């Protein structure tokens, strides 16, 4: 039987910095990155309840080594053949 475990990376970019979470469940990764974003940026950015956020979600499963890096421009992997597909979802604080 093939291994069907998934691995998701959720990222919120904020002016060259950001918060990230990596989980086996997509919605849990999104929930955790929102929680971490609040904690990381509460002293730097006004975080109003109900504010809309863009969250990038990458399925890391199948990206060769599983190493995914990012900056404010793009996502990268050590495996040159793998194309990283980024899904942007909207959530509120």
PDB file of N, CA and C in Angstrom:
ATOM      1  N   UNK A   1       0.842  -1.181   0.000  1.00  0.00           N
ATOM      2  CA  UNK A   1       0.000   0.000   0.000  1.00  0.00           C
ATOM      3  C   UNK A   1       0.885   1.241   0.000  1.00  0.00           C
ATOM      4  N   UNK A   2       0.586   2.191  -0.863  1.00  0.00           N
ATOM      5  CA  UNK A   2       1.385   3.412  -0.980  1.00  0.00           C
ATOM      6  C   UNK A   2       1.141   4.332   0.214  1.00  0.00           C
ATOM      7  N   UNK A   3       2.157   5.081   0.568  1.00  0.00           N
ATOM      8  CA  UNK A   3       2.058   6.044   1.650  1.00  0.00           C
ATOM      9  C   UNK A   3       1.237   7.234   1.162  1.00  0.00           C
ATOM     10  N   UNK A   4       0.120   7.527   1.837  1.00  0.00           N
ATOM     11  CA  UNK A   4      -0.760   8.608   1.412  1.00  0.00           C
ATOM     12  C   UNK A   4      -0.676   9.819   2.324  1.00  0.00           C
ATOM     13  N   UNK A   5       0.345   9.909   3.163  1.00  0.00           N
ATOM     14  CA  UNK A   5       0.490  11.040   4.072  1.00  0.00           C
ATOM     15  C   UNK A   5       0.756  12.313   3.272  1.00  0.00           C
ATOM     16  N   UNK A   6       0.110  13.374   3.681  1.00  0.00           N
ATOM     17  CA  UNK A   6       0.275  14.670   3.040  1.00  0.00           C
ATOM     18  C   UNK A   6       1.099  15.571   3.948  1.00  0.00           C
ATOM     19  N   UNK A   7       1.665  16.618   3.365  1.00  0.00           N
ATOM     20  CA  UNK A   7       2.454  17.587   4.108  1.00  0.00           C
ATOM     21  C   UNK A   7       2.198  18.954   3.494  1.00  0.00           C
ATOM     22  N   UNK A   8       1.706  19.907   4.292  1.00  0.00           N
ATOM     23  CA  UNK A   8       1.351  21.233   3.797  1.00  0.00           C
ATOM     24  C   UNK A   8       2.156  22.306   4.515  1.00  0.00           C
ATOM     25  N   UNK A   9       2.551  23.311   3.760  1.00  0.00           N
ATOM     26  CA  UNK A   9       3.235  24.490   4.289  1.00  0.00           C
ATOM     27  C   UNK A   9       2.318  25.680   4.057  1.00  0.00           C
ATOM     28  N   UNK A  10       1.962  26.390   5.130  1.00  0.00           N
ATOM     29  CA  UNK A  10       1.128  27.585   5.034  1.00  0.00           C
ATOM     30  C   UNK A  10       1.980  28.786   5.429  1.00  0.00           C
ATOM     31  N   UNK A  11       1.926  29.853   4.614  1.00  0.00           N
ATOM     32  CA  UNK A  11       2.785  31.023   4.817  1.00  0.00           C
ATOM     33  C   UNK A  11       1.957  32.297   4.706  1.00  0.00           C
ATOM     34  N   UNK A  12       2.195  33.227   5.638  1.00  0.00           N
ATOM     35  CA  UNK A  12       1.658  34.586   5.535  1.00  0.00           C
ATOM     36  C   UNK A  12       2.851  35.511   5.402  1.00  0.00           C
ATOM     37  N   UNK A  13       2.959  36.190   4.260  1.00  0.00           N
ATOM     38  CA  UNK A  13       4.035  37.147   4.034  1.00  0.00           C
ATOM     39  C   UNK A  13       3.604  38.518   4.530  1.00  0.00           C
ATOM     40  N   UNK A  14       4.548  39.220   5.159  1.00  0.00           N
ATOM     41  CA  UNK A  14       4.250  40.541   5.705  1.00  0.00           C
ATOM     42  C   UNK A  14       5.465  41.441   5.513  1.00  0.00           C
ATOM     43  N   UNK A  15       5.543  42.107   4.391  1.00  0.00           N
ATOM     44  CA  UNK A  15       6.602  43.077   4.149  1.00  0.00           C
ATOM     45  C   UNK A  15       8.010  42.520   4.213  1.00  0.00           C
ATOM     46  N   UNK A  16       8.273  41.425   3.544  1.00  0.00           N
ATOM     47  CA  UNK A  16       9.608  40.831   3.544  1.00  0.00           C
ATOM     48  C   UNK A  16       9.849  39.855   4.680  1.00  0.00           C
ATOM     49  N   UNK A  17       8.938  39.793   5.630  1.00  0.00           N
ATOM     50  CA  UNK A  17       9.016  38.829   6.727  1.00  0.00           C
ATOM     51  C   UNK A  17       7.754  37.973   6.636  1.00  0.00           C
ATOM     52  N   UNK A  18       7.538  37.138   7.607  1.00  0.00           N
ATOM     53  CA  UNK A  18       6.316  36.350   7.582  1.00  0.00           C
ATOM     54  C   UNK A  18       6.292  35.278   8.643  1.00  0.00           C
ATOM     55  N   UNK A  19       5.181  34.586   8.680  1.00  0.00           N
ATOM     56  CA  UNK A  19       4.992  33.466   9.590  1.00  0.00           C
ATOM     57  C   UNK A  19       4.664  32.234   8.765  1.00  0.00           C
ATOM     58  N   UNK A  20       4.986  31.063   9.304  1.00  0.00           N
ATOM     59  CA  UNK A  20       4.725  29.824   8.583  1.00  0.00           C
ATOM     60  C   UNK A  20       4.365  28.712   9.549  1.00  0.00           C
ATOM     61  N   UNK A  21       3.648  27.734   9.021  1.00  0.00           N
ATOM     62  CA  UNK A  21       3.307  26.528   9.772  1.00  0.00           C
ATOM     63  C   UNK A  21       3.294  25.363   8.793  1.00  0.00           C
ATOM     64  N   UNK A  22       3.699  24.207   9.277  1.00  0.00           N
ATOM     65  CA  UNK A  22       3.746  23.010   8.434  1.00  0.00           C
ATOM     66  C   UNK A  22       3.057  21.877   9.178  1.00  0.00           C
ATOM     67  N   UNK A  23       2.048  21.289   8.533  1.00  0.00           N
ATOM     68  CA  UNK A  23       1.236  20.244   9.152  1.00  0.00           C
ATOM     69  C   UNK A  23       0.839  19.203   8.110  1.00  0.00           C
ATOM     70  N   UNK A  24       0.339  18.084   8.591  1.00  0.00           N
ATOM     71  CA  UNK A  24      -0.147  17.039   7.684  1.00  0.00           C
ATOM     72  C   UNK A  24      -1.585  17.306   7.237  1.00  0.00           C
ATOM     73  N   UNK A  25      -2.277  18.216   7.913  1.00  0.00           N
ATOM     74  CA  UNK A  25      -3.642  18.593   7.556  1.00  0.00           C
ATOM     75  C   UNK A  25      -3.637  20.051   7.069  1.00  0.00           C
ATOM     76  N   UNK A  26      -4.218  20.290   5.908  1.00  0.00           N
ATOM     77  CA  UNK A  26      -4.196  21.622   5.292  1.00  0.00           C
ATOM     78  C   UNK A  26      -4.874  22.678   6.169  1.00  0.00           C
ATOM     79  N   UNK A  27      -6.073  22.392   6.659  1.00  0.00           N
ATOM     80  CA  UNK A  27      -6.794  23.371   7.473  1.00  0.00           C
ATOM     81  C   UNK A  27      -6.090  23.632   8.807  1.00  0.00           C
ATOM     82  N   UNK A  28      -5.459  22.604   9.367  1.00  0.00           N
ATOM     83  CA  UNK A  28      -4.719  22.788  10.610  1.00  0.00           C
ATOM     84  C   UNK A  28      -3.492  23.679  10.373  1.00  0.00           C
ATOM     85  N   UNK A  29      -2.835  23.525   9.232  1.00  0.00           N
ATOM     86  CA  UNK A  29      -1.695  24.380   8.889  1.00  0.00           C
ATOM     87  C   UNK A  29      -2.146  25.830   8.753  1.00  0.00           C
ATOM     88  N   UNK A  30      -3.296  26.058   8.132  1.00  0.00           N
ATOM     89  CA  UNK A  30      -3.825  27.413   7.968  1.00  0.00           C
ATOM     90  C   UNK A  30      -4.172  28.012   9.327  1.00  0.00           C
ATOM     91  N   UNK A  31      -4.830  27.242  10.164  1.00  0.00           N
ATOM     92  CA  UNK A  31      -5.207  27.712  11.499  1.00  0.00           C
ATOM     93  C   UNK A  31      -3.964  28.053  12.331  1.00  0.00           C
ATOM     94  N   UNK A  32      -2.949  27.197  12.260  1.00  0.00           N
ATOM     95  CA  UNK A  32      -1.727  27.430  13.034  1.00  0.00           C
ATOM     96  C   UNK A  32      -0.950  28.639  12.541  1.00  0.00           C
ATOM     97  N   UNK A  33      -0.903  28.869  11.222  1.00  0.00           N
ATOM     98  CA  UNK A  33      -0.154  30.020  10.721  1.00  0.00           C
ATOM     99  C   UNK A  33      -0.848  31.324  11.115  1.00  0.00           C
ATOM    100  N   UNK A  34      -2.169  31.332  11.173  1.00  0.00           N
ATOM    101  CA  UNK A  34      -2.879  32.531  11.634  1.00  0.00           C
ATOM    102  C   UNK A  34      -2.548  32.805  13.095  1.00  0.00           C
ATOM    103  N   UNK A  35      -2.561  31.759  13.912  1.00  0.00           N
ATOM    104  CA  UNK A  35      -2.224  31.907  15.337  1.00  0.00           C
ATOM    105  C   UNK A  35      -0.801  32.427  15.506  1.00  0.00           C
ATOM    106  N   UNK A  36       0.143  31.869  14.741  1.00  0.00           N
ATOM    107  CA  UNK A  36       1.534  32.306  14.837  1.00  0.00           C
ATOM    108  C   UNK A  36       1.724  33.723  14.303  1.00  0.00           C
ATOM    109  N   UNK A  37       1.004  34.087  13.252  1.00  0.00           N
ATOM    110  CA  UNK A  37       1.084  35.439  12.702  1.00  0.00           C
ATOM    111  C   UNK A  37       0.634  36.466  13.737  1.00  0.00           C
ATOM    112  N   UNK A  38      -0.464  36.162  14.422  1.00  0.00           N
ATOM    113  CA  UNK A  38      -0.932  37.065  15.488  1.00  0.00           C
ATOM    114  C   UNK A  38       0.147  37.242  16.555  1.00  0.00           C
ATOM    115  N   UNK A  39       0.743  36.142  16.957  1.00  0.00           N
ATOM    116  CA  UNK A  39       1.767  36.180  18.001  1.00  0.00           C
ATOM    117  C   UNK A  39       3.029  36.911  17.527  1.00  0.00           C
ATOM    118  N   UNK A  40       3.469  36.636  16.300  1.00  0.00           N
ATOM    119  CA  UNK A  40       4.708  37.215  15.781  1.00  0.00           C
ATOM    120  C   UNK A  40       4.611  38.714  15.503  1.00  0.00           C
ATOM    121  N   UNK A  41       3.452  39.172  15.019  1.00  0.00           N
ATOM    122  CA  UNK A  41       3.360  40.536  14.510  1.00  0.00           C
ATOM    123  C   UNK A  41       2.446  41.462  15.316  1.00  0.00           C
ATOM    124  N   UNK A  42       1.968  41.045  16.467  1.00  0.00           N
ATOM    125  CA  UNK A  42       1.041  41.874  17.231  1.00  0.00           C
ATOM    126  C   UNK A  42       1.654  43.206  17.662  1.00  0.00           C
ATOM    127  N   UNK A  43       2.966  43.268  17.809  1.00  0.00           N
ATOM    128  CA  UNK A  43       3.618  44.514  18.210  1.00  0.00           C
ATOM    129  C   UNK A  43       4.030  45.383  17.029  1.00  0.00           C
ATOM    130  N   UNK A  44       3.904  44.889  15.813  1.00  0.00           N
ATOM    131  CA  UNK A  44       4.392  45.607  14.636  1.00  0.00           C
ATOM    132  C   UNK A  44       3.297  46.035  13.669  1.00  0.00           C
ATOM    133  N   UNK A  45       2.213  45.271  13.611  1.00  0.00           N
ATOM    134  CA  UNK A  45       1.142  45.528  12.652  1.00  0.00           C
ATOM    135  C   UNK A  45      -0.175  45.585  13.419  1.00  0.00           C
ATOM    136  N   UNK A  46      -1.037  46.547  13.056  1.00  0.00           N
ATOM    137  CA  UNK A  46      -2.342  46.605  13.699  1.00  0.00           C
ATOM    138  C   UNK A  46      -3.192  45.451  13.164  1.00  0.00           C
ATOM    139  N   UNK A  47      -3.525  44.527  14.047  1.00  0.00           N
ATOM    140  CA  UNK A  47      -4.274  43.328  13.662  1.00  0.00           C
ATOM    141  C   UNK A  47      -5.721  43.468  14.129  1.00  0.00           C
ATOM    142  N   UNK A  48      -6.565  43.967  13.242  1.00  0.00           N
ATOM    143  CA  UNK A  48      -7.975  44.149  13.564  1.00  0.00           C
ATOM    144  C   UNK A  48      -8.734  42.850  13.345  1.00  0.00           C
ATOM    145  N   UNK A  49      -9.617  42.546  14.275  1.00  0.00           N
ATOM    146  CA  UNK A  49     -10.441  41.344  14.138  1.00  0.00           C
ATOM    147  C   UNK A  49     -11.305  41.484  12.891  1.00  0.00           C
ATOM    148  N   UNK A  50     -11.370  40.427  12.087  1.00  0.00           N
ATOM    149  CA  UNK A  50     -12.137  40.447  10.852  1.00  0.00           C
ATOM    150  C   UNK A  50     -11.332  40.866   9.632  1.00  0.00           C
ATOM    151  N   UNK A  51     -10.052  41.231   9.834  1.00  0.00           N
ATOM    152  CA  UNK A  51      -9.197  41.625   8.712  1.00  0.00           C
ATOM    153  C   UNK A  51      -8.938  40.413   7.809  1.00  0.00           C
ATOM    154  N   UNK A  52      -9.001  40.635   6.503  1.00  0.00           N
ATOM    155  CA  UNK A  52      -8.790  39.561   5.536  1.00  0.00           C
ATOM    156  C   UNK A  52      -7.295  39.338   5.307  1.00  0.00           C
ATOM    157  N   UNK A  53      -6.890  38.087   5.268  1.00  0.00           N
ATOM    158  CA  UNK A  53      -5.494  37.716   5.036  1.00  0.00           C
ATOM    159  C   UNK A  53      -5.378  36.822   3.820  1.00  0.00           C
ATOM    160  N   UNK A  54      -4.302  36.974   3.066  1.00  0.00           N
ATOM    161  CA  UNK A  54      -3.956  36.036   2.004  1.00  0.00           C
ATOM    162  C   UNK A  54      -2.937  35.055   2.567  1.00  0.00           C
ATOM    163  N   UNK A  55      -3.236  33.781   2.480  1.00  0.00           N
ATOM    164  CA  UNK A  55      -2.351  32.739   2.991  1.00  0.00           C
ATOM    165  C   UNK A  55      -1.951  31.845   1.835  1.00  0.00           C
ATOM    166  N   UNK A  56      -0.644  31.694   1.620  1.00  0.00           N
ATOM    167  CA  UNK A  56      -0.133  30.787   0.600  1.00  0.00           C
ATOM    168  C   UNK A  56      -0.041  29.394   1.194  1.00  0.00           C
ATOM    169  N   UNK A  57      -0.569  28.404   0.474  1.00  0.00           N
ATOM    170  CA  UNK A  57      -0.515  27.016   0.920  1.00  0.00           C
ATOM    171  C   UNK A  57       0.172  26.201  -0.174  1.00  0.00           C
ATOM    172  N   UNK A  58       1.223  25.481   0.234  1.00  0.00           N
ATOM    173  CA  UNK A  58       1.984  24.639  -0.691  1.00  0.00           C
ATOM    174  C   UNK A  58       1.891  23.203  -0.205  1.00  0.00           C
ATOM    175  N   UNK A  59       1.520  22.290  -1.105  1.00  0.00           N
ATOM    176  CA  UNK A  59       1.560  20.873  -0.754  1.00  0.00           C
ATOM    177  C   UNK A  59       2.992  20.405  -0.966  1.00  0.00           C
ATOM    178  N   UNK A  60       3.683  20.115   0.122  1.00  0.00           N
ATOM    179  CA  UNK A  60       5.097  19.751   0.077  1.00  0.00           C
ATOM    180  C   UNK A  60       5.274  18.299  -0.345  1.00  0.00           C
ATOM    181  N   UNK A  61       4.243  17.486  -0.182  1.00  0.00           N
ATOM    182  CA  UNK A  61       4.303  16.082  -0.558  1.00  0.00           C
ATOM    183  C   UNK A  61       4.706  15.951  -2.019  1.00  0.00           C
ATOM    184  N   UNK A  62       5.724  15.156  -2.300  1.00  0.00           N
ATOM    185  CA  UNK A  62       6.151  14.928  -3.675  1.00  0.00           C
ATOM    186  C   UNK A  62       7.145  15.936  -4.210  1.00  0.00           C
ATOM    187  N   UNK A  63       7.733  16.750  -3.346  1.00  0.00           N
ATOM    188  CA  UNK A  63       8.729  17.721  -3.814  1.00  0.00           C
ATOM    189  C   UNK A  63      10.140  17.198  -3.613  1.00  0.00           C
ATOM    190  N   UNK A  64      10.362  15.940  -3.901  1.00  0.00           N
ATOM    191  CA  UNK A  64      11.699  15.357  -3.786  1.00  0.00           C
ATOM    192  C   UNK A  64      12.130  15.259  -2.344  1.00  0.00           C
ATOM    193  N   UNK A  65      13.066  16.109  -1.948  1.00  0.00           N
ATOM    194  CA  UNK A  65      13.624  16.064  -0.601  1.00  0.00           C
ATOM    195  C   UNK A  65      12.664  16.593   0.450  1.00  0.00           C
ATOM    196  N   UNK A  66      11.615  17.297   0.043  1.00  0.00           N
ATOM    197  CA  UNK A  66      10.684  17.884   1.003  1.00  0.00           C
ATOM    198  C   UNK A  66      11.161  19.211   1.543  1.00  0.00           C
ATOM    199  N   UNK A  67      12.313  19.683   1.060  1.00  0.00           N
ATOM    200  CA  UNK A  67      12.830  20.983   1.486  1.00  0.00           C
ATOM    201  C   UNK A  67      12.234  22.073   0.603  1.00  0.00           C
ATOM    202  N   UNK A  68      11.425  22.932   1.202  1.00  0.00           N
ATOM    203  CA  UNK A  68      10.838  24.055   0.479  1.00  0.00           C
ATOM    204  C   UNK A  68      11.241  25.321   1.214  1.00  0.00           C
ATOM    205  N   UNK A  69      11.767  26.275   0.461  1.00  0.00           N
ATOM    206  CA  UNK A  69      12.159  27.574   1.016  1.00  0.00           C
ATOM    207  C   UNK A  69      11.364  28.642   0.288  1.00  0.00           C
ATOM    208  N   UNK A  70      11.262  29.801   0.903  1.00  0.00           N
ATOM    209  CA  UNK A  70      10.572  30.897   0.240  1.00  0.00           C
ATOM    210  C   UNK A  70      11.155  32.220   0.677  1.00  0.00           C
ATOM    211  N   UNK A  71      10.902  33.226  -0.135  1.00  0.00           N
ATOM    212  CA  UNK A  71      11.159  34.603   0.233  1.00  0.00           C
ATOM    213  C   UNK A  71       9.957  35.401  -0.253  1.00  0.00           C
ATOM    214  N   UNK A  72      10.050  36.714  -0.259  1.00  0.00           N
ATOM    215  CA  UNK A  72       8.888  37.517  -0.632  1.00  0.00           C
ATOM    216  C   UNK A  72       8.566  37.459  -2.119  1.00  0.00           C
ATOM    217  N   UNK A  73       9.394  36.776  -2.909  1.00  0.00           N
ATOM    218  CA  UNK A  73       9.161  36.684  -4.350  1.00  0.00           C
ATOM    219  C   UNK A  73       8.626  35.337  -4.800  1.00  0.00           C
ATOM    220  N   UNK A  74       9.104  34.230  -4.196  1.00  0.00           N
ATOM    221  CA  UNK A  74       8.749  32.924  -4.721  1.00  0.00           C
ATOM    222  C   UNK A  74       9.058  31.810  -3.724  1.00  0.00           C
ATOM    223  N   UNK A  75       8.757  30.580  -4.148  1.00  0.00           N
ATOM    224  CA  UNK A  75       9.050  29.365  -3.381  1.00  0.00           C
ATOM    225  C   UNK A  75      10.081  28.555  -4.148  1.00  0.00           C
ATOM    226  N   UNK A  76      10.977  27.882  -3.422  1.00  0.00           N
ATOM    227  CA  UNK A  76      12.080  27.151  -4.031  1.00  0.00           C
ATOM    228  C   UNK A  76      12.208  25.770  -3.398  1.00  0.00           C
ATOM    229  N   UNK A  77      12.766  24.832  -4.166  1.00  0.00           N
ATOM    230  CA  UNK A  77      13.046  23.493  -3.663  1.00  0.00           C
ATOM    231  C   UNK A  77      14.389  23.036  -4.224  1.00  0.00           C
ATOM    232  N   UNK A  78      15.009  22.071  -3.566  1.00  0.00           N
ATOM    233  CA  UNK A  78      16.288  21.524  -4.036  1.00  0.00           C
ATOM    234  C   UNK A  78      16.107  20.667  -5.284  1.00  0.00           C
ATOM    235  N   UNK A  79      14.917  20.143  -5.466  1.00  0.00           N
ATOM    236  CA  UNK A  79      14.604  19.294  -6.607  1.00  0.00           C
ATOM    237  C   UNK A  79      14.240  20.180  -7.799  1.00  0.00           C
ATOM    238  N   UNK A  80      15.113  20.305  -8.773  1.00  0.00           N
ATOM    239  CA  UNK A  80      14.927  21.229  -9.898  1.00  0.00           C
ATOM    240  C   UNK A  80      13.778  20.833 -10.824  1.00  0.00           C
ATOM    241  N   UNK A  81      13.387  19.550 -10.844  1.00  0.00           N
ATOM    242  CA  UNK A  81      12.323  19.095 -11.732  1.00  0.00           C
ATOM    243  C   UNK A  81      10.929  19.383 -11.174  1.00  0.00           C
ATOM    244  N   UNK A  82      10.829  19.596  -9.878  1.00  0.00           N
ATOM    245  CA  UNK A  82       9.536  19.782  -9.245  1.00  0.00           C
ATOM    246  C   UNK A  82       9.054  21.213  -9.406  1.00  0.00           C
ATOM    247  N   UNK A  83       7.825  21.352  -9.858  1.00  0.00           N
ATOM    248  CA  UNK A  83       7.193  22.659  -9.945  1.00  0.00           C
ATOM    249  C   UNK A  83       6.323  22.820  -8.706  1.00  0.00           C
ATOM    250  N   UNK A  84       6.549  23.881  -7.979  1.00  0.00           N
ATOM    251  CA  UNK A  84       5.802  24.123  -6.750  1.00  0.00           C
ATOM    252  C   UNK A  84       4.534  24.886  -7.092  1.00  0.00           C
ATOM    253  N   UNK A  85       3.404  24.320  -6.726  1.00  0.00           N
ATOM    254  CA  UNK A  85       2.120  24.961  -6.953  1.00  0.00           C
ATOM    255  C   UNK A  85       1.674  25.628  -5.661  1.00  0.00           C
ATOM    256  N   UNK A  86       1.441  26.934  -5.746  1.00  0.00           N
ATOM    257  CA  UNK A  86       1.035  27.702  -4.582  1.00  0.00           C
ATOM    258  C   UNK A  86      -0.450  28.026  -4.708  1.00  0.00           C
ATOM    259  N   UNK A  87      -1.204  27.644  -3.693  1.00  0.00           N
ATOM    260  CA  UNK A  87      -2.627  27.973  -3.624  1.00  0.00           C
ATOM    261  C   UNK A  87      -2.785  29.112  -2.624  1.00  0.00           C
ATOM    262  N   UNK A  88      -3.427  30.182  -3.032  1.00  0.00           N
ATOM    263  CA  UNK A  88      -3.661  31.306  -2.128  1.00  0.00           C
ATOM    264  C   UNK A  88      -5.104  31.242  -1.639  1.00  0.00           C
ATOM    265  N   UNK A  89      -5.247  31.205  -0.309  1.00  0.00           N
ATOM    266  CA  UNK A  89      -6.573  31.169   0.295  1.00  0.00           C
ATOM    267  C   UNK A  89      -6.777  32.431   1.113  1.00  0.00           C
ATOM    268  N   UNK A  90      -8.016  32.850   1.261  1.00  0.00           N
ATOM    269  CA  UNK A  90      -8.345  34.026   2.073  1.00  0.00           C
ATOM    270  C   UNK A  90      -8.988  33.548   3.365  1.00  0.00           C
ATOM    271  N   UNK A  91      -8.525  34.116   4.472  1.00  0.00           N
ATOM    272  CA  UNK A  91      -9.108  33.868   5.778  1.00  0.00           C
ATOM    273  C   UNK A  91      -9.165  35.200   6.530  1.00  0.00           C
ATOM    274  N   UNK A  92      -9.916  35.237   7.597  1.00  0.00           N
ATOM    275  CA  UNK A  92      -9.993  36.443   8.418  1.00  0.00           C
ATOM    276  C   UNK A  92      -9.384  36.190   9.781  1.00  0.00           C
ATOM    277  N   UNK A  93      -8.905  37.246  10.383  1.00  0.00           N
ATOM    278  CA  UNK A  93      -8.340  37.147  11.734  1.00  0.00           C
ATOM    279  C   UNK A  93      -9.448  36.965  12.749  1.00  0.00           C
TER     280      UNK A  93
END
